[in-house]
Amino acid sequence: MTAIPTPAPVDAAPRPTTGHLGVRTVADLNVLVSELTVADLERIEAGLDLEQATSSPARYTAWLRRQVCAWTVVGLPAVSVAALDWPLASVRPQCLDVVGLILTDLRELSPGTRPGVVPSQPGHYLAPPGVMVAAALLCLDVARRCAPLLPGATALSASRTAQGTGTRYLARCADLADRAAGAEREIRDWGTLAAPEQVEHARTAARRFTARLADALDTGRRTGW
């Protein structure tokens, strides 16, 4: 079983500001989150190590293993695909099932191996809307970075497995990348209309999720797990 690193604690994000006479002012939530997480997003870009990810079948499989270990640490909320309180229409709760998709790819590429992680299952508790929005934002950002790997991974995988191409995760990334512009507009509108505590949930959760993924990817790249 692969050892899972423990995420470092994350400082709380600053609370939304108020304008003249105490009226709350809301900037674009996408911009606010980007400003809070820019350093960690740069670390994620380096930790993804995209240049060599599809250079050989073995490297692609190893890359997927590093991704699943890193995403397991993030702790994205598990949301049912039929959840009525999911706050976005442009992307569905399936966008958060990163671990499940990658595990399916790994089972196709390495049928004899047993996964060292288990994806979270939706429960009775539903995360606050702001937390779900923050999780979707991170998945969208990473998807746009990883989507260009799909053609190379498909070419590699199609010739080595009779059970499937092992590209479900990257296909999801490509789909999310196509939806990203619309999703960002919707998230901006959501941030304008949401209650202050929900915007705060989104900002705090975005910072927490992004820092955890950056730490885990950095650890995986340095240690080779």
Protein backbone atom coordinates (compact mmCIF):
# COMPACT_ATOMS: atom_id res chain seq x y z
CA MET A 1 0.00 0.00 0.00
CA THR A 2 1.30 3.43 -0.90
CA ALA A 3 2.09 5.67 2.05
CA ILE A 4 -0.04 8.81 2.05
CA PRO A 5 1.70 11.99 3.28
CA THR A 6 -0.01 14.08 5.92
CA PRO A 7 -1.04 17.54 4.63
CA ALA A 8 0.43 20.57 6.29
CA PRO A 9 -1.94 22.90 8.18
CA VAL A 10 -3.33 25.78 6.19
CA ASP A 11 -3.92 29.28 7.51
CA ALA A 12 -7.43 30.65 7.27
CA ALA A 13 -8.16 33.01 4.40
CA PRO A 14 -9.05 36.65 5.13
CA ARG A 15 -12.74 37.46 5.44
CA PRO A 16 -14.63 39.36 2.74
CA THR A 17 -14.29 43.11 2.97
CA THR A 18 -17.04 45.68 3.31
CA GLY A 19 -17.42 48.90 1.44
CA HIS A 20 -19.01 52.28 2.19
CA LEU A 21 -21.53 52.20 5.08
CA GLY A 22 -20.74 48.54 5.71
CA VAL A 23 -22.18 47.30 2.41
CA ARG A 24 -20.38 44.15 1.40
CA THR A 25 -18.43 44.42 -1.87
CA VAL A 26 -17.69 41.29 -3.89
CA ALA A 27 -15.01 41.01 -6.52
CA ASP A 28 -14.87 38.14 -9.02
CA LEU A 29 -14.59 35.01 -6.85
CA ASN A 30 -12.32 33.43 -9.46
CA VAL A 31 -9.90 36.34 -9.06
CA LEU A 32 -10.08 36.29 -5.27
CA VAL A 33 -9.28 32.58 -5.16
CA SER A 34 -6.51 32.96 -7.74
CA GLU A 35 -4.86 35.69 -5.67
CA LEU A 36 -5.02 33.50 -2.55
CA THR A 37 -3.64 30.40 -4.24
CA VAL A 38 -1.25 31.68 -6.93
CA ALA A 39 1.90 30.39 -5.23
CA ASP A 40 0.42 26.94 -4.65
CA LEU A 41 -0.91 26.77 -8.22
CA GLU A 42 2.63 27.38 -9.44
CA ARG A 43 3.81 24.49 -7.26
CA ILE A 44 1.02 22.32 -8.68
CA GLU A 45 2.15 23.13 -12.22
CA ALA A 46 5.67 21.97 -11.35
CA GLY A 47 4.45 18.95 -9.38
CA LEU A 48 2.25 17.67 -12.22
CA ASP A 49 5.44 17.05 -14.23
CA LEU A 50 3.49 17.05 -17.48
CA GLU A 51 6.42 17.04 -19.90
CA GLN A 52 7.30 13.38 -19.46
CA ALA A 53 3.91 12.06 -18.32
CA THR A 54 3.06 10.28 -21.59
CA SER A 55 6.56 9.63 -22.90
CA SER A 56 6.19 5.87 -22.32
CA PRO A 57 3.54 3.44 -21.00
CA ALA A 58 5.49 2.92 -17.78
CA ARG A 59 5.82 6.64 -17.15
CA TYR A 60 2.14 7.22 -17.81
CA THR A 61 1.15 4.55 -15.31
CA ALA A 62 3.59 5.97 -12.75
CA TRP A 63 2.21 9.45 -13.37
CA LEU A 64 -1.33 8.25 -12.70
CA ARG A 65 -0.19 6.62 -9.46
CA ARG A 66 1.34 9.90 -8.28
CA GLN A 67 -1.85 11.76 -9.17
CA VAL A 68 -4.12 9.40 -7.25
CA CYS A 69 -1.91 9.51 -4.16
CA ALA A 70 -1.83 13.31 -4.27
CA TRP A 71 -5.57 13.76 -4.80
CA THR A 72 -6.33 11.38 -1.95
CA VAL A 73 -4.61 13.81 0.41
CA VAL A 74 -6.69 16.77 -0.80
CA GLY A 75 -9.91 15.50 0.76
CA LEU A 76 -12.40 16.78 -1.81
CA PRO A 77 -16.02 16.47 -0.67
CA ALA A 78 -17.78 13.31 -1.85
CA VAL A 79 -20.99 14.47 -3.53
CA SER A 80 -23.66 12.22 -5.02
CA VAL A 81 -24.26 12.65 -8.73
CA ALA A 82 -27.94 13.18 -7.88
CA ALA A 83 -27.30 15.81 -5.19
CA LEU A 84 -30.05 18.44 -5.39
CA ASP A 85 -27.99 21.11 -3.60
CA TRP A 86 -25.02 21.02 -5.97
CA PRO A 87 -24.50 24.75 -6.69
CA LEU A 88 -23.31 24.65 -10.31
CA ALA A 89 -25.02 23.80 -13.60
CA SER A 90 -22.07 24.06 -15.99
CA VAL A 91 -20.21 21.19 -14.30
CA ARG A 92 -21.70 18.30 -12.35
CA PRO A 93 -20.59 16.63 -9.09
CA GLN A 94 -18.75 13.97 -11.12
CA CYS A 95 -15.98 16.51 -11.63
CA LEU A 96 -14.88 15.85 -8.03
CA ASP A 97 -14.46 12.09 -8.50
CA VAL A 98 -10.81 12.38 -9.46
CA VAL A 99 -9.63 9.48 -7.32
CA GLY A 100 -12.28 7.09 -8.60
CA LEU A 101 -11.51 7.83 -12.26
CA ILE A 102 -7.76 7.44 -11.86
CA LEU A 103 -8.19 4.16 -9.97
CA THR A 104 -10.31 2.86 -12.85
CA ASP A 105 -7.56 3.84 -15.30
CA LEU A 106 -4.94 2.09 -13.18
CA ARG A 107 -7.01 -1.09 -13.01
CA GLU A 108 -7.15 -1.12 -16.82
CA LEU A 109 -3.44 -0.43 -17.24
CA SER A 110 -2.27 -2.75 -14.44
CA PRO A 111 -5.01 -5.37 -13.96
CA GLY A 112 -2.94 -7.41 -11.51
CA THR A 113 -2.30 -4.63 -9.02
CA ARG A 114 -4.44 -3.70 -6.04
CA PRO A 115 -5.09 0.02 -5.36
CA GLY A 116 -3.56 1.45 -2.22
CA VAL A 117 -6.32 4.03 -1.79
CA VAL A 118 -10.12 3.92 -1.75
CA PRO A 119 -12.25 6.83 -3.05
CA SER A 120 -14.57 8.52 -0.57
CA GLN A 121 -18.25 7.70 -0.81
CA PRO A 122 -21.08 10.27 -0.53
CA GLY A 123 -22.77 10.26 2.87
CA HIS A 124 -25.76 11.94 4.44
CA TYR A 125 -23.77 15.11 5.15
CA LEU A 126 -23.42 17.49 2.21
CA ALA A 127 -20.56 19.97 2.23
CA PRO A 128 -21.47 23.69 2.24
CA PRO A 129 -21.99 25.15 -1.25
CA GLY A 130 -18.87 27.29 -0.92
CA VAL A 131 -16.73 24.22 -0.24
CA MET A 132 -18.18 22.45 -3.27
CA VAL A 133 -17.50 25.51 -5.44
CA ALA A 134 -13.90 25.67 -4.21
CA ALA A 135 -13.40 21.98 -4.96
CA ALA A 136 -14.80 22.42 -8.47
CA LEU A 137 -12.52 25.40 -9.07
CA LEU A 138 -9.43 23.35 -8.25
CA CYS A 139 -10.56 20.45 -10.44
CA LEU A 140 -11.18 22.86 -13.32
CA ASP A 141 -7.76 24.46 -12.96
CA VAL A 142 -5.91 21.15 -12.90
CA ALA A 143 -8.06 19.78 -15.72
CA ARG A 144 -7.02 22.59 -18.03
CA ARG A 145 -3.37 21.84 -17.29
CA CYS A 146 -3.71 18.09 -17.85
CA ALA A 147 -6.12 18.00 -20.81
CA PRO A 148 -3.35 18.32 -23.47
CA LEU A 149 -2.01 14.92 -22.33
CA LEU A 150 -5.07 13.06 -23.65
CA PRO A 151 -3.92 12.40 -27.26
CA GLY A 152 -0.55 11.08 -26.15
CA ALA A 153 -2.04 8.91 -23.42
CA THR A 154 -4.65 7.49 -25.81
CA ALA A 155 -1.96 6.57 -28.33
CA LEU A 156 0.09 4.86 -25.63
CA SER A 157 -2.73 3.02 -23.92
CA ALA A 158 -4.66 1.76 -26.94
CA SER A 159 -1.83 -0.54 -27.94
CA ARG A 160 -1.27 -2.19 -24.57
CA THR A 161 -4.59 -3.11 -22.98
CA ALA A 162 -7.60 -5.07 -24.17
CA GLN A 163 -9.70 -3.83 -21.26
CA GLY A 164 -9.73 -0.13 -22.09
CA THR A 165 -7.54 2.82 -22.87
CA GLY A 166 -6.88 3.88 -19.29
CA THR A 167 -7.68 7.50 -20.15
CA ARG A 168 -10.93 8.17 -18.30
CA TYR A 169 -9.33 10.78 -16.07
CA LEU A 170 -7.71 12.69 -18.92
CA ALA A 171 -10.92 12.49 -20.96
CA ARG A 172 -12.72 14.07 -17.99
CA CYS A 173 -10.00 16.74 -17.88
CA ALA A 174 -10.55 17.52 -21.56
CA ASP A 175 -14.31 17.79 -21.01
CA LEU A 176 -13.85 20.10 -18.02
CA ALA A 177 -11.37 22.23 -19.96
CA ASP A 178 -14.04 22.74 -22.63
CA ARG A 179 -16.54 23.80 -19.95
CA ALA A 180 -14.13 25.98 -17.97
CA ALA A 181 -15.07 29.37 -19.42
CA GLY A 182 -18.77 28.84 -18.73
CA ALA A 183 -18.05 27.45 -15.28
CA GLU A 184 -15.96 30.47 -14.35
CA ARG A 185 -18.75 32.81 -15.39
CA GLU A 186 -21.19 30.83 -13.28
CA ILE A 187 -18.84 30.82 -10.29
CA ARG A 188 -18.40 34.57 -10.61
CA ASP A 189 -22.17 35.02 -10.55
CA TRP A 190 -22.48 32.59 -7.64
CA GLY A 191 -19.95 34.60 -5.64
CA THR A 192 -21.91 37.79 -6.28
CA LEU A 193 -25.20 36.34 -5.03
CA ALA A 194 -24.03 33.99 -2.28
CA ALA A 195 -24.23 34.77 1.42
CA PRO A 196 -21.00 36.16 2.93
CA GLU A 197 -20.34 33.00 4.92
CA GLN A 198 -20.56 30.89 1.78
CA VAL A 199 -18.05 33.10 -0.02
CA GLU A 200 -15.79 32.74 3.02
CA HIS A 201 -16.22 28.96 2.89
CA ALA A 202 -15.17 29.02 -0.76
CA ARG A 203 -12.07 31.13 -0.17
CA THR A 204 -10.91 29.15 2.85
CA ALA A 205 -11.57 25.77 1.25
CA ALA A 206 -9.85 26.81 -1.98
CA ARG A 207 -6.74 27.73 -0.10
CA ARG A 208 -6.83 24.48 1.90
CA PHE A 209 -7.42 22.19 -1.10
CA THR A 210 -4.83 23.90 -3.29
CA ALA A 211 -2.13 23.84 -0.62
CA ARG A 212 -2.75 20.16 0.09
CA LEU A 213 -2.50 19.19 -3.56
CA ALA A 214 0.63 21.27 -4.06
CA ASP A 215 2.29 19.70 -1.00
CA ALA A 216 1.35 16.16 -2.04
CA LEU A 217 2.49 16.55 -5.65
CA ASP A 218 5.74 18.09 -4.49
CA THR A 219 6.33 15.19 -2.11
CA GLY A 220 5.52 12.65 -4.81
CA ARG A 221 7.92 14.25 -7.28
CA ARG A 222 10.77 14.37 -4.75
CA THR A 223 10.30 10.89 -3.31
CA GLY A 224 9.17 9.09 -6.44
CA TRP A 225 5.96 7.55 -5.00
